């Protein structure tokens, strides 16, 4: 029972890590294209789908991550910050990058802690 719960938790964390890594890639692409005229910044959404999967897991005891996919979309392409129609806001991108990296590191630490707990349960040390 404990091992299945840890396994499911690690699967959910893995899905979140995958989507967060995709978000970091998109943010880095936005930053790299800061000086590209007509560039439309992208964003990645996945929290709603992951939250729904976790809610269903709690209700049914079965974790289905098949619908949890990073959803790449343009950030309000009709709104531009500059005359060259580029809508990259560097300050917002840097905050999003920092937040995403901290979340990713937190998820990595959670997976490592689960592995340590499981090792302790198996070995008794």
N, C-alpha and C. Protein backbone atom coordinates (compact mmCIF):
# COMPACT_ATOMS: atom_id res chain seq x y z
N UNK A 1 0.83 -1.19 0.00
CA UNK A 1 0.00 0.00 0.00
C UNK A 1 0.88 1.26 0.00
N UNK A 2 1.85 1.31 0.91
CA UNK A 2 2.74 2.46 0.99
C UNK A 2 3.55 2.62 -0.29
N UNK A 3 4.05 1.50 -0.80
CA UNK A 3 4.87 1.59 -2.02
C UNK A 3 4.03 2.05 -3.20
N UNK A 4 2.77 1.62 -3.29
CA UNK A 4 1.90 2.05 -4.38
C UNK A 4 1.61 3.55 -4.26
N UNK A 5 1.39 4.04 -3.06
CA UNK A 5 1.14 5.47 -2.86
C UNK A 5 2.36 6.29 -3.26
N UNK A 6 3.55 5.83 -2.86
CA UNK A 6 4.78 6.54 -3.24
C UNK A 6 4.99 6.48 -4.75
N UNK A 7 4.70 5.32 -5.34
CA UNK A 7 4.84 5.18 -6.79
C UNK A 7 3.92 6.17 -7.51
N UNK A 8 2.67 6.24 -7.07
CA UNK A 8 1.73 7.18 -7.70
C UNK A 8 2.14 8.62 -7.48
N UNK A 9 2.62 8.92 -6.27
CA UNK A 9 3.08 10.28 -6.00
C UNK A 9 4.27 10.62 -6.91
N UNK A 10 5.19 9.69 -7.07
CA UNK A 10 6.33 9.94 -7.94
C UNK A 10 5.90 10.06 -9.40
N UNK A 11 4.89 9.32 -9.82
CA UNK A 11 4.37 9.46 -11.19
C UNK A 11 3.77 10.85 -11.39
N UNK A 12 3.00 11.32 -10.41
CA UNK A 12 2.41 12.67 -10.51
C UNK A 12 3.52 13.72 -10.52
N UNK A 13 4.51 13.55 -9.66
CA UNK A 13 5.64 14.48 -9.65
C UNK A 13 6.39 14.44 -10.97
N UNK A 14 6.55 13.26 -11.54
CA UNK A 14 7.23 13.13 -12.83
C UNK A 14 6.48 13.88 -13.93
N UNK A 15 5.16 13.76 -13.94
CA UNK A 15 4.36 14.49 -14.93
C UNK A 15 4.52 15.99 -14.74
N UNK A 16 4.49 16.43 -13.49
CA UNK A 16 4.66 17.86 -13.21
C UNK A 16 6.06 18.33 -13.58
N UNK A 17 7.07 17.50 -13.33
CA UNK A 17 8.44 17.86 -13.69
C UNK A 17 8.59 17.96 -15.21
N UNK A 18 7.99 17.03 -15.93
CA UNK A 18 8.04 17.07 -17.39
C UNK A 18 7.42 18.36 -17.92
N UNK A 19 6.25 18.70 -17.40
CA UNK A 19 5.58 19.92 -17.86
C UNK A 19 6.33 21.17 -17.43
N UNK A 20 6.91 21.16 -16.24
CA UNK A 20 7.68 22.31 -15.78
C UNK A 20 8.93 22.49 -16.62
N UNK A 21 9.56 21.39 -17.01
CA UNK A 21 10.73 21.48 -17.89
C UNK A 21 10.32 22.07 -19.24
N UNK A 22 9.15 21.68 -19.74
CA UNK A 22 8.65 22.26 -21.00
C UNK A 22 8.41 23.76 -20.83
N UNK A 23 7.89 24.15 -19.67
CA UNK A 23 7.66 25.57 -19.39
C UNK A 23 8.99 26.33 -19.38
N UNK A 24 10.00 25.76 -18.75
CA UNK A 24 11.31 26.40 -18.70
C UNK A 24 11.87 26.56 -20.11
N UNK A 25 11.71 25.54 -20.94
CA UNK A 25 12.18 25.64 -22.33
C UNK A 25 11.47 26.78 -23.08
N UNK A 26 10.17 26.90 -22.89
CA UNK A 26 9.42 27.97 -23.56
C UNK A 26 9.86 29.34 -23.05
N UNK A 27 10.05 29.46 -21.75
CA UNK A 27 10.52 30.73 -21.19
C UNK A 27 11.88 31.09 -21.76
N UNK A 28 12.77 30.12 -21.82
CA UNK A 28 14.10 30.39 -22.38
C UNK A 28 14.01 30.79 -23.85
N UNK A 29 13.09 30.19 -24.59
CA UNK A 29 12.87 30.59 -25.99
C UNK A 29 12.35 32.02 -26.06
N UNK A 30 11.46 32.38 -25.15
CA UNK A 30 10.95 33.76 -25.11
C UNK A 30 12.09 34.74 -24.86
N UNK A 31 12.94 34.42 -23.88
CA UNK A 31 14.06 35.29 -23.54
C UNK A 31 15.02 35.40 -24.73
N UNK A 32 15.30 34.27 -25.38
CA UNK A 32 16.21 34.29 -26.53
C UNK A 32 15.68 35.12 -27.69
N UNK A 33 14.36 35.22 -27.79
CA UNK A 33 13.74 35.98 -28.89
C UNK A 33 13.28 37.37 -28.46
N UNK A 34 13.82 37.85 -27.39
CA UNK A 34 13.45 39.17 -26.88
C UNK A 34 13.65 40.27 -27.93
N UNK A 35 14.64 40.15 -28.77
CA UNK A 35 14.93 41.19 -29.77
C UNK A 35 14.41 40.84 -31.16
N UNK A 36 13.59 39.81 -31.29
CA UNK A 36 13.07 39.39 -32.58
C UNK A 36 11.76 40.12 -32.88
N UNK A 37 11.72 40.95 -33.92
CA UNK A 37 10.48 41.66 -34.26
C UNK A 37 9.34 40.68 -34.55
N UNK A 38 8.15 41.03 -34.11
CA UNK A 38 6.91 40.27 -34.33
C UNK A 38 6.87 38.92 -33.60
N UNK A 39 7.84 38.68 -32.71
CA UNK A 39 7.83 37.42 -31.95
C UNK A 39 6.71 37.46 -30.94
N UNK A 40 5.96 36.36 -30.86
CA UNK A 40 4.88 36.22 -29.88
C UNK A 40 5.34 35.23 -28.82
N UNK A 41 5.41 35.69 -27.59
CA UNK A 41 5.86 34.85 -26.48
C UNK A 41 4.90 33.69 -26.25
N UNK A 42 5.45 32.58 -25.81
CA UNK A 42 4.64 31.41 -25.50
C UNK A 42 4.53 31.18 -24.02
N UNK A 43 3.62 30.32 -23.65
CA UNK A 43 3.45 29.90 -22.27
C UNK A 43 3.00 28.45 -22.25
N UNK A 44 3.17 27.79 -21.13
CA UNK A 44 2.78 26.39 -20.98
C UNK A 44 1.82 26.29 -19.81
N UNK A 45 0.67 25.64 -20.06
CA UNK A 45 -0.32 25.39 -19.02
C UNK A 45 -0.43 23.88 -18.81
N UNK A 46 -0.49 23.46 -17.57
CA UNK A 46 -0.70 22.05 -17.26
C UNK A 46 -1.32 21.85 -15.89
N UNK A 47 -1.33 22.87 -15.07
CA UNK A 47 -1.76 22.72 -13.67
C UNK A 47 -3.20 22.23 -13.54
N UNK A 48 -4.09 22.74 -14.38
CA UNK A 48 -5.50 22.35 -14.27
C UNK A 48 -5.68 20.86 -14.57
N UNK A 49 -5.02 20.37 -15.63
CA UNK A 49 -5.13 18.95 -15.98
C UNK A 49 -4.51 18.07 -14.90
N UNK A 50 -3.36 18.48 -14.36
CA UNK A 50 -2.72 17.70 -13.31
C UNK A 50 -3.57 17.72 -12.03
N UNK A 51 -4.11 18.88 -11.71
CA UNK A 51 -4.98 18.98 -10.53
C UNK A 51 -6.21 18.08 -10.64
N UNK A 52 -6.79 18.02 -11.84
CA UNK A 52 -7.95 17.15 -12.07
C UNK A 52 -7.57 15.68 -11.92
N UNK A 53 -6.40 15.31 -12.44
CA UNK A 53 -5.94 13.92 -12.32
C UNK A 53 -5.70 13.56 -10.85
N UNK A 54 -5.14 14.48 -10.09
CA UNK A 54 -4.90 14.22 -8.67
C UNK A 54 -6.22 14.14 -7.90
N UNK A 55 -7.17 15.02 -8.22
CA UNK A 55 -8.49 14.94 -7.58
C UNK A 55 -9.17 13.61 -7.87
N UNK A 56 -9.08 13.15 -9.12
CA UNK A 56 -9.66 11.85 -9.48
C UNK A 56 -8.96 10.71 -8.76
N UNK A 57 -7.63 10.83 -8.61
CA UNK A 57 -6.86 9.82 -7.89
C UNK A 57 -7.34 9.72 -6.44
N UNK A 58 -7.54 10.87 -5.81
CA UNK A 58 -8.02 10.87 -4.42
C UNK A 58 -9.41 10.26 -4.31
N UNK A 59 -10.26 10.51 -5.32
CA UNK A 59 -11.63 10.02 -5.27
C UNK A 59 -11.73 8.53 -5.62
N UNK A 60 -10.91 8.07 -6.57
CA UNK A 60 -11.05 6.71 -7.08
C UNK A 60 -9.94 5.77 -6.64
N UNK A 61 -8.80 6.32 -6.21
CA UNK A 61 -7.66 5.49 -5.88
C UNK A 61 -6.85 5.07 -7.08
N UNK A 62 -7.22 5.57 -8.26
CA UNK A 62 -6.51 5.22 -9.50
C UNK A 62 -5.95 6.50 -10.11
N UNK A 63 -4.65 6.50 -10.39
CA UNK A 63 -3.99 7.67 -10.97
C UNK A 63 -3.90 7.51 -12.48
N UNK A 64 -4.59 8.38 -13.21
CA UNK A 64 -4.57 8.37 -14.67
C UNK A 64 -3.96 9.68 -15.15
N UNK A 65 -2.73 9.61 -15.65
CA UNK A 65 -2.03 10.80 -16.11
C UNK A 65 -2.07 10.94 -17.63
N UNK A 66 -2.93 10.17 -18.28
CA UNK A 66 -2.96 10.18 -19.75
C UNK A 66 -3.37 11.52 -20.33
N UNK A 67 -4.14 12.30 -19.60
CA UNK A 67 -4.59 13.60 -20.10
C UNK A 67 -3.72 14.76 -19.64
N UNK A 68 -2.69 14.48 -18.85
CA UNK A 68 -1.82 15.53 -18.34
C UNK A 68 -0.69 15.76 -19.34
N UNK A 69 -0.87 16.76 -20.15
CA UNK A 69 0.12 17.11 -21.16
C UNK A 69 0.36 18.62 -21.09
N UNK A 70 1.61 19.03 -21.25
CA UNK A 70 1.87 20.47 -21.31
C UNK A 70 1.15 21.08 -22.51
N UNK A 71 0.40 22.13 -22.28
CA UNK A 71 -0.35 22.80 -23.33
C UNK A 71 0.36 24.10 -23.68
N UNK A 72 1.02 24.12 -24.84
CA UNK A 72 1.74 25.31 -25.29
C UNK A 72 0.76 26.22 -26.01
N UNK A 73 0.78 27.49 -25.62
CA UNK A 73 -0.07 28.47 -26.30
C UNK A 73 0.64 29.81 -26.32
N UNK A 74 0.17 30.69 -27.20
CA UNK A 74 0.74 32.03 -27.31
C UNK A 74 0.21 32.90 -26.18
N UNK A 75 1.06 33.76 -25.66
CA UNK A 75 0.65 34.73 -24.64
C UNK A 75 0.01 35.91 -25.34
N UNK A 76 -1.26 36.06 -25.26
CA UNK A 76 -1.99 37.20 -25.81
C UNK A 76 -1.31 37.81 -27.04
N UNK A 77 -1.38 37.14 -28.19
CA UNK A 77 -0.67 37.61 -29.39
C UNK A 77 -1.15 38.97 -29.88
N UNK A 78 -2.30 39.43 -29.43
CA UNK A 78 -2.80 40.73 -29.87
C UNK A 78 -2.23 41.90 -29.09
N UNK A 79 -1.47 41.60 -28.04
CA UNK A 79 -0.92 42.64 -27.20
C UNK A 79 0.60 42.66 -27.33
N UNK A 80 1.15 43.80 -27.69
CA UNK A 80 2.61 43.91 -27.83
C UNK A 80 3.11 45.02 -26.91
N UNK A 81 4.30 44.81 -26.34
CA UNK A 81 4.90 45.78 -25.43
C UNK A 81 5.70 46.84 -26.18
N UNK A 82 6.08 46.52 -27.41
CA UNK A 82 6.97 47.43 -28.12
C UNK A 82 6.44 47.71 -29.51
N UNK A 83 7.08 48.67 -30.15
CA UNK A 83 6.67 49.07 -31.50
C UNK A 83 6.92 47.97 -32.53
N UNK A 84 7.88 47.09 -32.29
CA UNK A 84 8.18 46.02 -33.26
C UNK A 84 7.23 44.83 -33.10
N UNK A 85 6.18 44.97 -32.28
CA UNK A 85 5.12 43.98 -32.06
C UNK A 85 5.59 42.75 -31.29
N UNK A 86 6.75 42.80 -30.70
CA UNK A 86 7.24 41.73 -29.85
C UNK A 86 6.56 41.89 -28.49
N UNK A 87 6.03 40.80 -27.93
CA UNK A 87 5.33 40.92 -26.66
C UNK A 87 6.07 40.26 -25.48
N UNK A 88 7.37 40.08 -25.61
CA UNK A 88 8.16 39.51 -24.51
C UNK A 88 8.41 40.59 -23.46
N UNK A 89 7.98 40.33 -22.23
CA UNK A 89 8.25 41.21 -21.10
C UNK A 89 9.34 40.52 -20.27
N UNK A 90 10.56 41.03 -20.37
CA UNK A 90 11.70 40.36 -19.75
C UNK A 90 11.55 40.21 -18.24
N UNK A 91 11.00 41.21 -17.56
CA UNK A 91 10.84 41.11 -16.11
C UNK A 91 9.90 39.97 -15.76
N UNK A 92 8.78 39.87 -16.46
CA UNK A 92 7.82 38.78 -16.21
C UNK A 92 8.44 37.43 -16.53
N UNK A 93 9.20 37.36 -17.61
CA UNK A 93 9.84 36.10 -17.99
C UNK A 93 10.84 35.67 -16.93
N UNK A 94 11.60 36.60 -16.39
CA UNK A 94 12.58 36.25 -15.37
C UNK A 94 11.90 35.75 -14.09
N UNK A 95 10.79 36.36 -13.72
CA UNK A 95 10.04 35.90 -12.55
C UNK A 95 9.48 34.51 -12.81
N UNK A 96 8.90 34.30 -13.99
CA UNK A 96 8.36 32.98 -14.35
C UNK A 96 9.46 31.93 -14.38
N UNK A 97 10.63 32.29 -14.87
CA UNK A 97 11.75 31.35 -14.92
C UNK A 97 12.19 30.97 -13.51
N UNK A 98 12.38 31.96 -12.65
CA UNK A 98 12.79 31.70 -11.28
C UNK A 98 11.77 30.81 -10.57
N UNK A 99 10.50 31.15 -10.69
CA UNK A 99 9.44 30.37 -10.05
C UNK A 99 9.43 28.93 -10.56
N UNK A 100 9.58 28.77 -11.85
CA UNK A 100 9.56 27.43 -12.44
C UNK A 100 10.75 26.59 -11.99
N UNK A 101 11.92 27.20 -11.92
CA UNK A 101 13.12 26.47 -11.49
C UNK A 101 12.99 26.06 -10.02
N UNK A 102 12.48 26.94 -9.18
CA UNK A 102 12.30 26.60 -7.77
C UNK A 102 11.28 25.47 -7.62
N UNK A 103 10.19 25.52 -8.38
CA UNK A 103 9.21 24.44 -8.33
C UNK A 103 9.82 23.12 -8.78
N UNK A 104 10.61 23.17 -9.85
CA UNK A 104 11.25 21.96 -10.36
C UNK A 104 12.17 21.37 -9.30
N UNK A 105 12.99 22.20 -8.68
CA UNK A 105 13.90 21.72 -7.64
C UNK A 105 13.14 21.12 -6.46
N UNK A 106 12.01 21.71 -6.11
CA UNK A 106 11.19 21.19 -5.02
C UNK A 106 10.65 19.81 -5.37
N UNK A 107 10.21 19.64 -6.62
CA UNK A 107 9.71 18.33 -7.05
C UNK A 107 10.82 17.28 -7.05
N UNK A 108 12.02 17.66 -7.50
CA UNK A 108 13.16 16.74 -7.47
C UNK A 108 13.43 16.31 -6.03
N UNK A 109 13.42 17.25 -5.11
CA UNK A 109 13.66 16.92 -3.69
C UNK A 109 12.57 16.00 -3.14
N UNK A 110 11.33 16.18 -3.58
CA UNK A 110 10.24 15.30 -3.13
C UNK A 110 10.46 13.87 -3.62
N UNK A 111 10.87 13.72 -4.87
CA UNK A 111 11.15 12.38 -5.41
C UNK A 111 12.31 11.74 -4.64
N UNK A 112 13.36 12.51 -4.39
CA UNK A 112 14.50 11.99 -3.64
C UNK A 112 14.09 11.59 -2.22
N UNK A 113 13.27 12.39 -1.57
CA UNK A 113 12.82 12.06 -0.22
C UNK A 113 11.97 10.79 -0.22
N UNK A 114 11.11 10.63 -1.24
CA UNK A 114 10.33 9.40 -1.34
C UNK A 114 11.24 8.19 -1.50
N UNK A 115 12.29 8.34 -2.30
CA UNK A 115 13.23 7.24 -2.50
C UNK A 115 13.94 6.90 -1.20
N UNK A 116 14.32 7.91 -0.44
CA UNK A 116 14.98 7.67 0.86
C UNK A 116 14.03 6.95 1.83
N UNK A 117 12.77 7.40 1.86
CA UNK A 117 11.80 6.75 2.74
C UNK A 117 11.59 5.29 2.37
N UNK A 118 11.48 5.05 1.08
CA UNK A 118 11.29 3.68 0.61
C UNK A 118 12.51 2.83 0.94
N UNK A 119 13.68 3.37 0.76
CA UNK A 119 14.92 2.66 1.09
C UNK A 119 14.96 2.33 2.59
N UNK A 120 14.55 3.31 3.40
CA UNK A 120 14.51 3.09 4.85
C UNK A 120 13.50 1.99 5.21
N UNK A 121 12.36 2.00 4.56
CA UNK A 121 11.33 0.97 4.82
C UNK A 121 11.83 -0.42 4.42
N UNK A 122 12.59 -0.49 3.34
CA UNK A 122 13.08 -1.78 2.87
C UNK A 122 14.25 -2.29 3.72
N UNK A 123 15.20 -1.41 3.98
CA UNK A 123 16.42 -1.83 4.68
C UNK A 123 16.34 -1.68 6.19
N UNK A 124 15.44 -0.85 6.67
CA UNK A 124 15.35 -0.61 8.11
C UNK A 124 16.36 0.39 8.61
N UNK A 125 17.10 1.02 7.68
CA UNK A 125 18.09 2.02 8.07
C UNK A 125 17.83 3.30 7.36
